[in-house]
């Protein structure tokens, strides 16, 4: 090997090492409400930047408990109210909140089942009372639904047939025939194609959740984390967001 070849080899090795040194693992803890749209953006980001995105998908209740208990990450993505609470507790950087996506609550039923009228609040109330079983999640949609049932005056009547689901999509429970009606964030209903998406709750009783980013106080690589946030909020992300029943919130 001559001097020129040696110099080229050294330069190449230095370039490889330099790229490796700049690459980071971005650790994310996130709600599952927008999982499919989010995952669609990961491969191109990792390929173009060299960064690795590692995401832990958990129910909101568990995320809040873990972070309050001292678990760390680089980026947290949950309902905006949760981001605000964790920021006040000093777990997330003040001023780091950025809105990501918005989602309404949808209704799912088994494929081929007879669908009741769900076009008005009164029709939804009747359908819930007539259903043999109703499932909802422990996430933001579930918190809202508990208050909605109370407002409708049907909490006591629904109690014997309610199923509170944590750790899997509500749609999976509907698919197995363990619930006649399932209610959850629209993209989470759509994520179970083996059931029918009946539609969103009517506007008069709909609840829109805004999911947001928060940067953890113990973030590792701030620049890499912000680059991933920027990618998720880019024009290129919008088709994926809309495909899965979400709307941009930035």
Protein backbone atom coordinates (compact mmCIF):
# COMPACT_ATOMS: atom_id res chain seq x y z
CA UNK A 1 0.00 0.00 0.00
CA UNK A 2 1.49 3.38 -1.02
CA UNK A 3 1.31 6.65 0.92
CA UNK A 4 -1.70 7.90 -1.05
CA UNK A 5 -3.66 4.70 -0.38
CA UNK A 6 -2.79 4.88 3.33
CA UNK A 7 -4.00 8.49 3.53
CA UNK A 8 -7.28 7.61 1.82
CA UNK A 9 -7.80 4.69 4.21
CA UNK A 10 -7.13 6.89 7.23
CA UNK A 11 -9.49 9.59 5.96
CA UNK A 12 -12.24 7.04 5.38
CA UNK A 13 -11.78 5.56 8.84
CA UNK A 14 -11.88 9.02 10.39
CA UNK A 15 -15.08 9.81 8.52
CA UNK A 16 -16.73 6.63 9.71
CA UNK A 17 -15.67 7.22 13.30
CA UNK A 18 -16.80 10.81 13.11
CA UNK A 19 -20.26 9.85 11.86
CA UNK A 20 -20.55 7.20 14.58
CA UNK A 21 -19.56 9.71 17.25
CA UNK A 22 -22.28 12.11 16.11
CA UNK A 23 -25.01 9.46 16.06
CA UNK A 24 -27.22 9.16 19.14
CA UNK A 25 -29.91 6.88 20.49
CA UNK A 26 -33.07 8.91 21.08
CA UNK A 27 -35.12 7.29 23.83
CA UNK A 28 -38.83 8.03 23.62
CA UNK A 29 -41.70 7.13 25.95
CA UNK A 30 -45.01 7.52 24.17
CA UNK A 31 -48.73 6.94 24.13
CA UNK A 32 -49.83 4.45 21.45
CA UNK A 33 -52.58 6.68 20.00
CA UNK A 34 -50.53 7.67 16.92
CA UNK A 35 -48.15 4.70 16.75
CA UNK A 36 -48.61 3.78 13.08
CA UNK A 37 -48.17 7.35 11.79
CA UNK A 38 -45.11 7.79 14.01
CA UNK A 39 -43.42 4.53 12.99
CA UNK A 40 -43.83 5.40 9.30
CA UNK A 41 -41.36 8.27 9.83
CA UNK A 42 -38.64 6.35 11.67
CA UNK A 43 -36.74 4.54 8.86
CA UNK A 44 -35.97 7.61 6.75
CA UNK A 45 -34.98 9.65 9.80
CA UNK A 46 -32.58 6.97 11.04
CA UNK A 47 -31.11 6.51 7.56
CA UNK A 48 -30.58 10.22 6.92
CA UNK A 49 -29.21 11.15 10.36
CA UNK A 50 -27.57 7.99 11.70
CA UNK A 51 -29.54 8.42 14.92
CA UNK A 52 -31.44 5.48 16.41
CA UNK A 53 -34.99 6.01 17.70
CA UNK A 54 -36.02 3.63 20.49
CA UNK A 55 -39.63 4.01 21.58
CA UNK A 56 -41.37 2.50 24.59
CA UNK A 57 -45.14 2.36 23.97
CA UNK A 58 -47.23 2.42 27.13
CA UNK A 59 -50.69 3.41 28.39
CA UNK A 60 -50.79 7.01 29.61
CA UNK A 61 -51.43 6.02 33.22
CA UNK A 62 -48.29 3.88 33.27
CA UNK A 63 -46.21 6.57 31.56
CA UNK A 64 -47.23 9.13 34.19
CA UNK A 65 -46.45 6.72 37.03
CA UNK A 66 -43.04 5.79 35.63
CA UNK A 67 -41.94 9.36 35.02
CA UNK A 68 -43.19 10.54 38.39
CA UNK A 69 -41.22 7.66 39.88
CA UNK A 70 -37.99 8.87 38.32
CA UNK A 71 -37.74 7.01 35.00
CA UNK A 72 -35.89 9.03 32.37
CA UNK A 73 -36.10 9.37 28.60
CA UNK A 74 -35.15 11.97 26.01
CA UNK A 75 -38.61 12.67 24.65
CA UNK A 76 -42.10 12.11 26.09
CA UNK A 77 -45.20 12.16 23.87
CA UNK A 78 -48.58 12.04 25.61
CA UNK A 79 -51.71 14.19 25.94
CA UNK A 80 -50.86 17.85 26.45
CA UNK A 81 -52.40 17.88 29.92
CA UNK A 82 -49.95 15.16 30.98
CA UNK A 83 -47.01 17.09 29.52
CA UNK A 84 -48.10 20.16 31.48
CA UNK A 85 -48.40 18.18 34.72
CA UNK A 86 -44.97 16.57 34.32
CA UNK A 87 -43.44 19.95 33.51
CA UNK A 88 -44.87 21.43 36.71
CA UNK A 89 -43.36 18.51 38.63
CA UNK A 90 -39.94 19.27 37.14
CA UNK A 91 -39.73 16.03 35.15
CA UNK A 92 -39.73 17.81 31.76
CA UNK A 93 -37.93 20.93 30.63
CA UNK A 94 -39.93 24.12 31.10
CA UNK A 95 -40.99 25.55 27.75
CA UNK A 96 -40.26 22.36 25.82
CA UNK A 97 -43.90 21.48 25.09
CA UNK A 98 -44.78 21.39 21.39
CA UNK A 99 -48.13 20.15 20.08
CA UNK A 100 -47.99 17.16 17.73
CA UNK A 101 -51.34 15.66 16.67
CA UNK A 102 -55.05 15.86 17.49
CA UNK A 103 -57.40 12.91 17.76
CA UNK A 104 -61.08 12.38 18.46
CA UNK A 105 -62.79 9.34 19.97
CA UNK A 106 -64.08 6.64 17.64
CA UNK A 107 -66.40 3.66 17.86
CA UNK A 108 -65.58 0.13 16.74
CA UNK A 109 -67.71 -3.01 16.42
CA UNK A 110 -67.21 -6.53 15.09
CA UNK A 111 -67.15 -6.90 11.32
CA UNK A 112 -70.54 -7.67 9.85
CA UNK A 113 -72.45 -6.75 13.00
CA UNK A 114 -75.62 -4.67 12.79
CA UNK A 115 -74.60 -1.09 13.50
CA UNK A 116 -76.90 1.05 15.63
CA UNK A 117 -77.56 4.71 14.93
CA UNK A 118 -74.70 6.70 16.47
CA UNK A 119 -75.30 10.05 14.78
CA UNK A 120 -76.46 11.99 17.86
CA UNK A 121 -75.74 12.07 21.58
CA UNK A 122 -79.13 10.55 22.33
CA UNK A 123 -78.57 7.79 19.76
CA UNK A 124 -75.16 6.96 21.31
CA UNK A 125 -76.76 6.83 24.76
CA UNK A 126 -79.40 4.39 23.52
CA UNK A 127 -76.80 2.23 21.76
CA UNK A 128 -74.66 2.03 24.91
CA UNK A 129 -77.61 1.07 27.08
CA UNK A 130 -78.70 -1.59 24.59
CA UNK A 131 -75.22 -3.08 24.12
CA UNK A 132 -74.33 -6.30 25.92
CA UNK A 133 -70.85 -4.98 26.73
CA UNK A 134 -68.86 -1.77 26.25
CA UNK A 135 -65.05 -1.43 26.32
CA UNK A 136 -62.89 1.68 26.68
CA UNK A 137 -59.28 2.40 27.56
CA UNK A 138 -57.53 3.94 30.55
CA UNK A 139 -56.06 6.72 28.37
CA UNK A 140 -57.34 10.27 27.80
CA UNK A 141 -60.38 8.98 25.90
CA UNK A 142 -61.34 6.76 28.83
CA UNK A 143 -61.02 9.60 31.33
CA UNK A 144 -63.39 11.67 29.20
CA UNK A 145 -65.84 8.79 28.67
CA UNK A 146 -66.23 8.25 32.41
CA UNK A 147 -67.35 11.89 32.75
CA UNK A 148 -69.56 11.56 29.66
CA UNK A 149 -71.38 8.54 31.10
CA UNK A 150 -71.97 10.50 34.29
CA UNK A 151 -73.24 13.50 32.35
CA UNK A 152 -75.62 11.23 30.43
CA UNK A 153 -76.84 9.75 33.69
CA UNK A 154 -76.08 6.16 32.68
CA UNK A 155 -73.05 5.29 34.84
CA UNK A 156 -74.96 2.93 37.14
CA UNK A 157 -76.72 1.19 34.25
CA UNK A 158 -73.48 0.68 32.31
CA UNK A 159 -71.37 -0.42 35.28
CA UNK A 160 -72.12 -4.19 35.06
CA UNK A 161 -71.12 -4.36 31.39
CA UNK A 162 -68.19 -1.95 31.20
CA UNK A 163 -64.72 -3.30 30.44
CA UNK A 164 -61.74 -1.04 31.15
CA UNK A 165 -58.84 -2.04 28.89
CA UNK A 166 -55.16 -1.44 29.51
CA UNK A 167 -52.15 -2.82 27.67
CA UNK A 168 -53.85 -3.61 24.35
CA UNK A 169 -56.11 -1.84 21.83
CA UNK A 170 -59.78 -1.79 22.69
CA UNK A 171 -60.37 -3.04 19.16
CA UNK A 172 -58.61 -6.32 19.98
CA UNK A 173 -61.15 -6.95 22.71
CA UNK A 174 -63.98 -6.21 20.26
CA UNK A 175 -62.41 -8.52 17.68
CA UNK A 176 -62.38 -11.41 20.17
CA UNK A 177 -66.07 -10.85 20.89
CA UNK A 178 -65.42 -9.77 24.49
CA UNK A 179 -67.11 -6.40 23.92
CA UNK A 180 -69.91 -5.43 21.56
CA UNK A 181 -68.92 -1.77 21.36
CA UNK A 182 -65.41 -0.35 21.74
CA UNK A 183 -64.52 3.29 22.22
CA UNK A 184 -60.99 4.70 21.92
CA UNK A 185 -58.95 7.26 19.98
CA UNK A 186 -59.83 7.01 16.27
CA UNK A 187 -56.35 5.85 15.10
CA UNK A 188 -56.34 3.12 17.73
CA UNK A 189 -59.67 1.82 16.44
CA UNK A 190 -58.35 1.99 12.86
CA UNK A 191 -55.23 0.09 13.96
CA UNK A 192 -57.36 -3.06 14.29
CA UNK A 193 -58.54 -3.65 10.70
CA UNK A 194 -60.30 -6.88 11.67
CA UNK A 195 -63.14 -4.81 13.17
CA UNK A 196 -65.39 -2.15 11.66
CA UNK A 197 -64.75 1.50 12.37
CA UNK A 198 -68.30 2.76 12.81
CA UNK A 199 -67.24 6.40 13.01
CA UNK A 200 -66.32 9.15 15.44
CA UNK A 201 -68.51 10.26 18.29
CA UNK A 202 -70.94 12.95 17.11
CA UNK A 203 -69.67 16.51 17.43
CA UNK A 204 -71.97 17.40 20.34
CA UNK A 205 -70.24 14.87 22.62
CA UNK A 206 -66.87 14.53 20.92
CA UNK A 207 -63.64 15.19 22.82
CA UNK A 208 -60.48 16.12 20.94
CA UNK A 209 -57.17 15.23 22.59
CA UNK A 210 -54.03 17.12 21.63
CA UNK A 211 -50.89 15.02 22.00
CA UNK A 212 -47.68 16.93 22.62
CA UNK A 213 -43.93 16.57 22.98
CA UNK A 214 -41.99 17.27 26.15
CA UNK A 215 -38.21 17.06 26.49
CA UNK A 216 -37.06 15.27 29.62
CA UNK A 217 -34.90 17.05 32.18
CA UNK A 218 -32.31 14.28 31.80
CA UNK A 219 -32.24 14.37 27.99
CA UNK A 220 -29.05 13.06 26.43
CA UNK A 221 -28.63 14.63 22.99
CA UNK A 222 -30.88 17.69 22.81
CA UNK A 223 -30.06 18.44 19.16
CA UNK A 224 -30.89 14.89 18.03
CA UNK A 225 -34.12 14.91 20.05
CA UNK A 226 -35.20 18.21 18.53
CA UNK A 227 -34.34 16.92 15.05
CA UNK A 228 -36.70 13.97 15.59
CA UNK A 229 -39.43 16.32 16.83
CA UNK A 230 -38.96 18.51 13.75
CA UNK A 231 -39.28 15.45 11.49
CA UNK A 232 -42.52 14.40 13.18
CA UNK A 233 -43.87 17.93 12.61
CA UNK A 234 -42.71 18.20 8.99
CA UNK A 235 -44.78 18.51 5.81
CA UNK A 236 -43.66 14.97 4.94
CA UNK A 237 -45.36 13.68 8.11
CA UNK A 238 -48.80 15.10 7.32
CA UNK A 239 -49.94 12.37 4.85
CA UNK A 240 -49.11 9.67 7.41
CA UNK A 241 -50.87 11.60 10.18
CA UNK A 242 -54.05 12.02 8.14
CA UNK A 243 -53.95 8.42 6.88
CA UNK A 244 -54.41 7.19 10.44
CA UNK A 245 -57.32 9.44 11.41
CA UNK A 246 -55.28 12.22 13.01
CA UNK A 247 -54.79 15.91 12.34
CA UNK A 248 -51.59 17.97 12.75
CA UNK A 249 -51.67 20.11 15.88
CA UNK A 250 -48.62 22.32 15.33
